[in-house]
């Protein structure tokens, strides 16, 4: 009797674990994310998804995830455009600095960049770190130029596509 209870408990734990794995949640973390018909950037768009949209992972295909939306739509999304935690705050395309909002909050946590910060250059903490390390002023000025650069969403998409970067990269022995 005791053995049967132990086996039942183990089976219940395994079942709960498999349900948790099967229902892995992710959240859209990049502006301009589309649900695709196939695991390819050139595939047909099924739906556009807003930052913060929750999806359930159905299948992993390397750099692409097959997901299901709350509305019941199923398709593929590039893994770099979703996060395993909900976004803290939305980032608009106008606030993205050098890479625009598309590259912000994608798998990594970043502070919201704004045009004032870009104009100011380094944060006070980074500025102090640079001073403590003896970073030459010419390097700081060069960084200020980079931080002030704005790139539109279309420019970023063209850059990624031409460079075969991110979802436009060729798959290495897996799904595109």
C-alpha atoms as a PDB file:
ATOM      1  CA  UNK A   1       0.000   0.000   0.000  1.00  0.00           C
ATOM      2  CA  UNK A   2       2.781   2.371   0.914  1.00  0.00           C
ATOM      3  CA  UNK A   3       4.624   1.536  -2.327  1.00  0.00           C
ATOM      4  CA  UNK A   4       1.493   2.275  -4.363  1.00  0.00           C
ATOM      5  CA  UNK A   5       1.166   5.720  -2.729  1.00  0.00           C
ATOM      6  CA  UNK A   6       4.816   6.497  -3.469  1.00  0.00           C
ATOM      7  CA  UNK A   7       4.408   5.495  -7.101  1.00  0.00           C
ATOM      8  CA  UNK A   8       1.215   7.549  -7.366  1.00  0.00           C
ATOM      9  CA  UNK A   9       2.983  10.574  -5.855  1.00  0.00           C
ATOM     10  CA  UNK A  10       5.903  10.260  -8.291  1.00  0.00           C
ATOM     11  CA  UNK A  11       3.521   9.937 -11.245  1.00  0.00           C
ATOM     12  CA  UNK A  12       1.586  12.982 -10.081  1.00  0.00           C
ATOM     13  CA  UNK A  13       4.822  14.992  -9.862  1.00  0.00           C
ATOM     14  CA  UNK A  14       5.904  13.850 -13.317  1.00  0.00           C
ATOM     15  CA  UNK A  15       2.522  14.762 -14.760  1.00  0.00           C
ATOM     16  CA  UNK A  16       2.645  18.219 -13.132  1.00  0.00           C
ATOM     17  CA  UNK A  17       6.176  18.776 -14.445  1.00  0.00           C
ATOM     18  CA  UNK A  18       5.212  17.748 -17.981  1.00  0.00           C
ATOM     19  CA  UNK A  19       2.218  20.117 -17.923  1.00  0.00           C
ATOM     20  CA  UNK A  20       4.466  22.967 -16.712  1.00  0.00           C
ATOM     21  CA  UNK A  21       6.968  22.262 -19.490  1.00  0.00           C
ATOM     22  CA  UNK A  22       4.226  21.953 -22.094  1.00  0.00           C
ATOM     23  CA  UNK A  23       2.749  25.279 -20.994  1.00  0.00           C
ATOM     24  CA  UNK A  24       5.946  27.336 -20.952  1.00  0.00           C
ATOM     25  CA  UNK A  25       4.999  31.002 -21.168  1.00  0.00           C
ATOM     26  CA  UNK A  26       6.939  33.685 -23.014  1.00  0.00           C
ATOM     27  CA  UNK A  27       6.205  37.350 -23.619  1.00  0.00           C
ATOM     28  CA  UNK A  28       6.778  39.384 -26.760  1.00  0.00           C
ATOM     29  CA  UNK A  29       9.615  41.771 -25.951  1.00  0.00           C
ATOM     30  CA  UNK A  30      10.357  43.447 -29.296  1.00  0.00           C
ATOM     31  CA  UNK A  31       8.443  45.999 -31.334  1.00  0.00           C
ATOM     32  CA  UNK A  32       7.482  44.699 -34.782  1.00  0.00           C
ATOM     33  CA  UNK A  33       7.212  41.027 -33.784  1.00  0.00           C
ATOM     34  CA  UNK A  34       5.107  38.935 -36.138  1.00  0.00           C
ATOM     35  CA  UNK A  35       3.615  35.472 -35.701  1.00  0.00           C
ATOM     36  CA  UNK A  36       4.840  33.553 -38.765  1.00  0.00           C
ATOM     37  CA  UNK A  37       3.308  30.630 -40.666  1.00  0.00           C
ATOM     38  CA  UNK A  38       6.704  28.881 -40.759  1.00  0.00           C
ATOM     39  CA  UNK A  39      10.007  29.158 -38.878  1.00  0.00           C
ATOM     40  CA  UNK A  40      11.412  31.711 -41.311  1.00  0.00           C
ATOM     41  CA  UNK A  41      11.631  35.508 -41.407  1.00  0.00           C
ATOM     42  CA  UNK A  42      10.359  35.460 -44.998  1.00  0.00           C
ATOM     43  CA  UNK A  43       7.327  33.331 -44.126  1.00  0.00           C
ATOM     44  CA  UNK A  44       3.788  34.720 -44.272  1.00  0.00           C
ATOM     45  CA  UNK A  45       2.694  36.835 -41.290  1.00  0.00           C
ATOM     46  CA  UNK A  46      -0.226  35.328 -39.397  1.00  0.00           C
ATOM     47  CA  UNK A  47      -0.542  38.202 -36.919  1.00  0.00           C
ATOM     48  CA  UNK A  48       1.329  41.202 -35.573  1.00  0.00           C
ATOM     49  CA  UNK A  49       2.046  40.986 -31.848  1.00  0.00           C
ATOM     50  CA  UNK A  50       2.437  43.841 -29.394  1.00  0.00           C
ATOM     51  CA  UNK A  51       5.109  44.042 -26.696  1.00  0.00           C
ATOM     52  CA  UNK A  52       3.849  42.213 -23.616  1.00  0.00           C
ATOM     53  CA  UNK A  53       1.689  39.708 -25.504  1.00  0.00           C
ATOM     54  CA  UNK A  54       1.819  36.367 -23.668  1.00  0.00           C
ATOM     55  CA  UNK A  55       2.302  33.204 -25.725  1.00  0.00           C
ATOM     56  CA  UNK A  56       2.555  29.534 -24.840  1.00  0.00           C
ATOM     57  CA  UNK A  57       5.470  27.599 -26.310  1.00  0.00           C
ATOM     58  CA  UNK A  58       4.221  24.561 -28.223  1.00  0.00           C
ATOM     59  CA  UNK A  59       7.496  23.463 -29.825  1.00  0.00           C
ATOM     60  CA  UNK A  60      11.070  24.681 -29.990  1.00  0.00           C
ATOM     61  CA  UNK A  61      12.852  24.689 -33.326  1.00  0.00           C
ATOM     62  CA  UNK A  62      16.216  26.121 -32.299  1.00  0.00           C
ATOM     63  CA  UNK A  63      16.115  29.861 -32.914  1.00  0.00           C
ATOM     64  CA  UNK A  64      12.382  29.697 -33.626  1.00  0.00           C
ATOM     65  CA  UNK A  65       9.544  28.804 -31.257  1.00  0.00           C
ATOM     66  CA  UNK A  66       6.161  27.473 -32.259  1.00  0.00           C
ATOM     67  CA  UNK A  67       3.714  29.329 -30.028  1.00  0.00           C
ATOM     68  CA  UNK A  68       0.017  29.682 -29.360  1.00  0.00           C
ATOM     69  CA  UNK A  69      -1.596  33.009 -28.499  1.00  0.00           C
ATOM     70  CA  UNK A  70      -4.416  33.554 -26.018  1.00  0.00           C
ATOM     71  CA  UNK A  71      -6.693  34.005 -29.067  1.00  0.00           C
ATOM     72  CA  UNK A  72      -5.793  30.459 -30.171  1.00  0.00           C
ATOM     73  CA  UNK A  73      -3.585  31.406 -33.126  1.00  0.00           C
ATOM     74  CA  UNK A  74      -0.589  29.136 -33.649  1.00  0.00           C
ATOM     75  CA  UNK A  75       2.574  29.988 -35.500  1.00  0.00           C
ATOM     76  CA  UNK A  76       6.292  30.606 -35.238  1.00  0.00           C
ATOM     77  CA  UNK A  77       8.132  33.477 -33.579  1.00  0.00           C
ATOM     78  CA  UNK A  78      11.866  34.217 -33.559  1.00  0.00           C
ATOM     79  CA  UNK A  79      13.191  33.336 -30.071  1.00  0.00           C
ATOM     80  CA  UNK A  80      15.138  36.593 -29.848  1.00  0.00           C
ATOM     81  CA  UNK A  81      11.879  38.551 -29.925  1.00  0.00           C
ATOM     82  CA  UNK A  82      10.405  36.970 -26.803  1.00  0.00           C
ATOM     83  CA  UNK A  83      11.439  36.833 -23.157  1.00  0.00           C
ATOM     84  CA  UNK A  84      10.818  34.366 -20.365  1.00  0.00           C
ATOM     85  CA  UNK A  85       9.671  37.239 -18.147  1.00  0.00           C
ATOM     86  CA  UNK A  86       6.980  39.848 -18.811  1.00  0.00           C
ATOM     87  CA  UNK A  87       8.369  43.226 -19.899  1.00  0.00           C
ATOM     88  CA  UNK A  88       8.580  45.845 -17.159  1.00  0.00           C
ATOM     89  CA  UNK A  89       7.535  48.741 -19.378  1.00  0.00           C
ATOM     90  CA  UNK A  90       6.843  49.209 -23.041  1.00  0.00           C
ATOM     91  CA  UNK A  91       9.524  50.937 -25.100  1.00  0.00           C
ATOM     92  CA  UNK A  92       8.362  52.975 -28.068  1.00  0.00           C
ATOM     93  CA  UNK A  93      10.210  53.023 -31.385  1.00  0.00           C
ATOM     94  CA  UNK A  94      11.151  56.671 -30.774  1.00  0.00           C
ATOM     95  CA  UNK A  95      12.978  55.787 -27.552  1.00  0.00           C
ATOM     96  CA  UNK A  96      15.351  53.183 -28.877  1.00  0.00           C
ATOM     97  CA  UNK A  97      18.586  55.075 -29.378  1.00  0.00           C
ATOM     98  CA  UNK A  98      21.048  53.432 -31.741  1.00  0.00           C
ATOM     99  CA  UNK A  99      19.105  50.219 -32.424  1.00  0.00           C
ATOM    100  CA  UNK A 100      15.535  51.335 -31.845  1.00  0.00           C
ATOM    101  CA  UNK A 101      13.077  49.505 -29.652  1.00  0.00           C
ATOM    102  CA  UNK A 102      13.371  46.317 -31.690  1.00  0.00           C
ATOM    103  CA  UNK A 103      16.670  45.422 -30.076  1.00  0.00           C
ATOM    104  CA  UNK A 104      15.676  46.633 -26.618  1.00  0.00           C
ATOM    105  CA  UNK A 105      14.383  44.167 -24.029  1.00  0.00           C
ATOM    106  CA  UNK A 106      14.993  41.150 -26.231  1.00  0.00           C
ATOM    107  CA  UNK A 107      16.114  38.345 -23.902  1.00  0.00           C
ATOM    108  CA  UNK A 108      17.974  40.875 -21.749  1.00  0.00           C
ATOM    109  CA  UNK A 109      16.841  43.521 -19.345  1.00  0.00           C
ATOM    110  CA  UNK A 110      17.728  47.062 -20.382  1.00  0.00           C
ATOM    111  CA  UNK A 111      16.881  50.456 -19.013  1.00  0.00           C
ATOM    112  CA  UNK A 112      14.475  52.531 -21.076  1.00  0.00           C
ATOM    113  CA  UNK A 113      16.583  54.770 -23.274  1.00  0.00           C
ATOM    114  CA  UNK A 114      15.318  58.225 -24.002  1.00  0.00           C
ATOM    115  CA  UNK A 115      16.516  61.027 -26.233  1.00  0.00           C
ATOM    116  CA  UNK A 116      17.640  63.101 -23.247  1.00  0.00           C
ATOM    117  CA  UNK A 117      19.955  60.319 -22.096  1.00  0.00           C
ATOM    118  CA  UNK A 118      21.307  59.905 -25.593  1.00  0.00           C
ATOM    119  CA  UNK A 119      22.054  63.606 -25.771  1.00  0.00           C
ATOM    120  CA  UNK A 120      23.622  63.568 -22.291  1.00  0.00           C
ATOM    121  CA  UNK A 121      25.868  60.627 -23.131  1.00  0.00           C
ATOM    122  CA  UNK A 122      26.963  58.343 -20.320  1.00  0.00           C
ATOM    123  CA  UNK A 123      24.911  57.798 -17.179  1.00  0.00           C
ATOM    124  CA  UNK A 124      26.459  59.275 -14.025  1.00  0.00           C
ATOM    125  CA  UNK A 125      27.561  55.772 -12.918  1.00  0.00           C
ATOM    126  CA  UNK A 126      29.151  54.963 -16.277  1.00  0.00           C
ATOM    127  CA  UNK A 127      30.784  58.393 -16.399  1.00  0.00           C
ATOM    128  CA  UNK A 128      32.315  57.841 -12.938  1.00  0.00           C
ATOM    129  CA  UNK A 129      33.506  54.369 -13.970  1.00  0.00           C
ATOM    130  CA  UNK A 130      35.172  55.864 -17.063  1.00  0.00           C
ATOM    131  CA  UNK A 131      36.870  58.529 -14.915  1.00  0.00           C
ATOM    132  CA  UNK A 132      38.042  55.916 -12.385  1.00  0.00           C
ATOM    133  CA  UNK A 133      39.520  53.814 -15.196  1.00  0.00           C
ATOM    134  CA  UNK A 134      41.177  56.793 -16.889  1.00  0.00           C
ATOM    135  CA  UNK A 135      39.188  56.432 -20.105  1.00  0.00           C
ATOM    136  CA  UNK A 136      40.425  59.059 -22.599  1.00  0.00           C
ATOM    137  CA  UNK A 137      37.980  61.896 -23.345  1.00  0.00           C
ATOM    138  CA  UNK A 138      38.129  61.118 -27.084  1.00  0.00           C
ATOM    139  CA  UNK A 139      36.546  57.692 -26.358  1.00  0.00           C
ATOM    140  CA  UNK A 140      33.736  59.290 -24.386  1.00  0.00           C
ATOM    141  CA  UNK A 141      33.082  61.780 -27.188  1.00  0.00           C
ATOM    142  CA  UNK A 142      32.992  58.955 -29.742  1.00  0.00           C
ATOM    143  CA  UNK A 143      30.486  57.080 -27.590  1.00  0.00           C
ATOM    144  CA  UNK A 144      28.340  60.227 -27.342  1.00  0.00           C
ATOM    145  CA  UNK A 145      28.172  60.311 -31.159  1.00  0.00           C
ATOM    146  CA  UNK A 146      27.054  56.671 -31.235  1.00  0.00           C
ATOM    147  CA  UNK A 147      24.457  57.177 -28.472  1.00  0.00           C
ATOM    148  CA  UNK A 148      22.962  60.165 -30.304  1.00  0.00           C
ATOM    149  CA  UNK A 149      22.417  58.106 -33.502  1.00  0.00           C
ATOM    150  CA  UNK A 150      18.798  57.189 -34.247  1.00  0.00           C
ATOM    151  CA  UNK A 151      17.823  54.351 -36.570  1.00  0.00           C
ATOM    152  CA  UNK A 152      14.277  53.810 -37.827  1.00  0.00           C
ATOM    153  CA  UNK A 153      12.543  50.450 -37.574  1.00  0.00           C
ATOM    154  CA  UNK A 154      12.759  50.065 -41.371  1.00  0.00           C
ATOM    155  CA  UNK A 155      16.492  50.862 -41.374  1.00  0.00           C
ATOM    156  CA  UNK A 156      17.055  48.292 -38.638  1.00  0.00           C
ATOM    157  CA  UNK A 157      15.056  45.640 -40.487  1.00  0.00           C
ATOM    158  CA  UNK A 158      17.009  46.292 -43.714  1.00  0.00           C
ATOM    159  CA  UNK A 159      20.311  46.073 -41.786  1.00  0.00           C
ATOM    160  CA  UNK A 160      19.354  42.761 -40.139  1.00  0.00           C
ATOM    161  CA  UNK A 161      18.120  41.335 -43.433  1.00  0.00           C
ATOM    162  CA  UNK A 162      21.176  42.402 -45.440  1.00  0.00           C
ATOM    163  CA  UNK A 163      23.570  41.181 -42.755  1.00  0.00           C
ATOM    164  CA  UNK A 164      21.610  37.932 -42.258  1.00  0.00           C
ATOM    165  CA  UNK A 165      21.413  38.661 -38.537  1.00  0.00           C
ATOM    166  CA  UNK A 166      18.882  37.441 -35.963  1.00  0.00           C
ATOM    167  CA  UNK A 167      15.772  35.974 -37.541  1.00  0.00           C
ATOM    168  CA  UNK A 168      17.269  36.597 -40.984  1.00  0.00           C
ATOM    169  CA  UNK A 169      20.337  34.428 -40.258  1.00  0.00           C
ATOM    170  CA  UNK A 170      20.616  31.174 -42.120  1.00  0.00           C
ATOM    171  CA  UNK A 171      19.893  28.194 -39.910  1.00  0.00           C
ATOM    172  CA  UNK A 172      22.786  25.902 -39.101  1.00  0.00           C
ATOM    173  CA  UNK A 173      21.404  22.397 -39.576  1.00  0.00           C
ATOM    174  CA  UNK A 174      17.960  23.184 -38.183  1.00  0.00           C
ATOM    175  CA  UNK A 175      14.763  24.989 -39.017  1.00  0.00           C
ATOM    176  CA  UNK A 176      15.042  28.428 -40.566  1.00  0.00           C
END
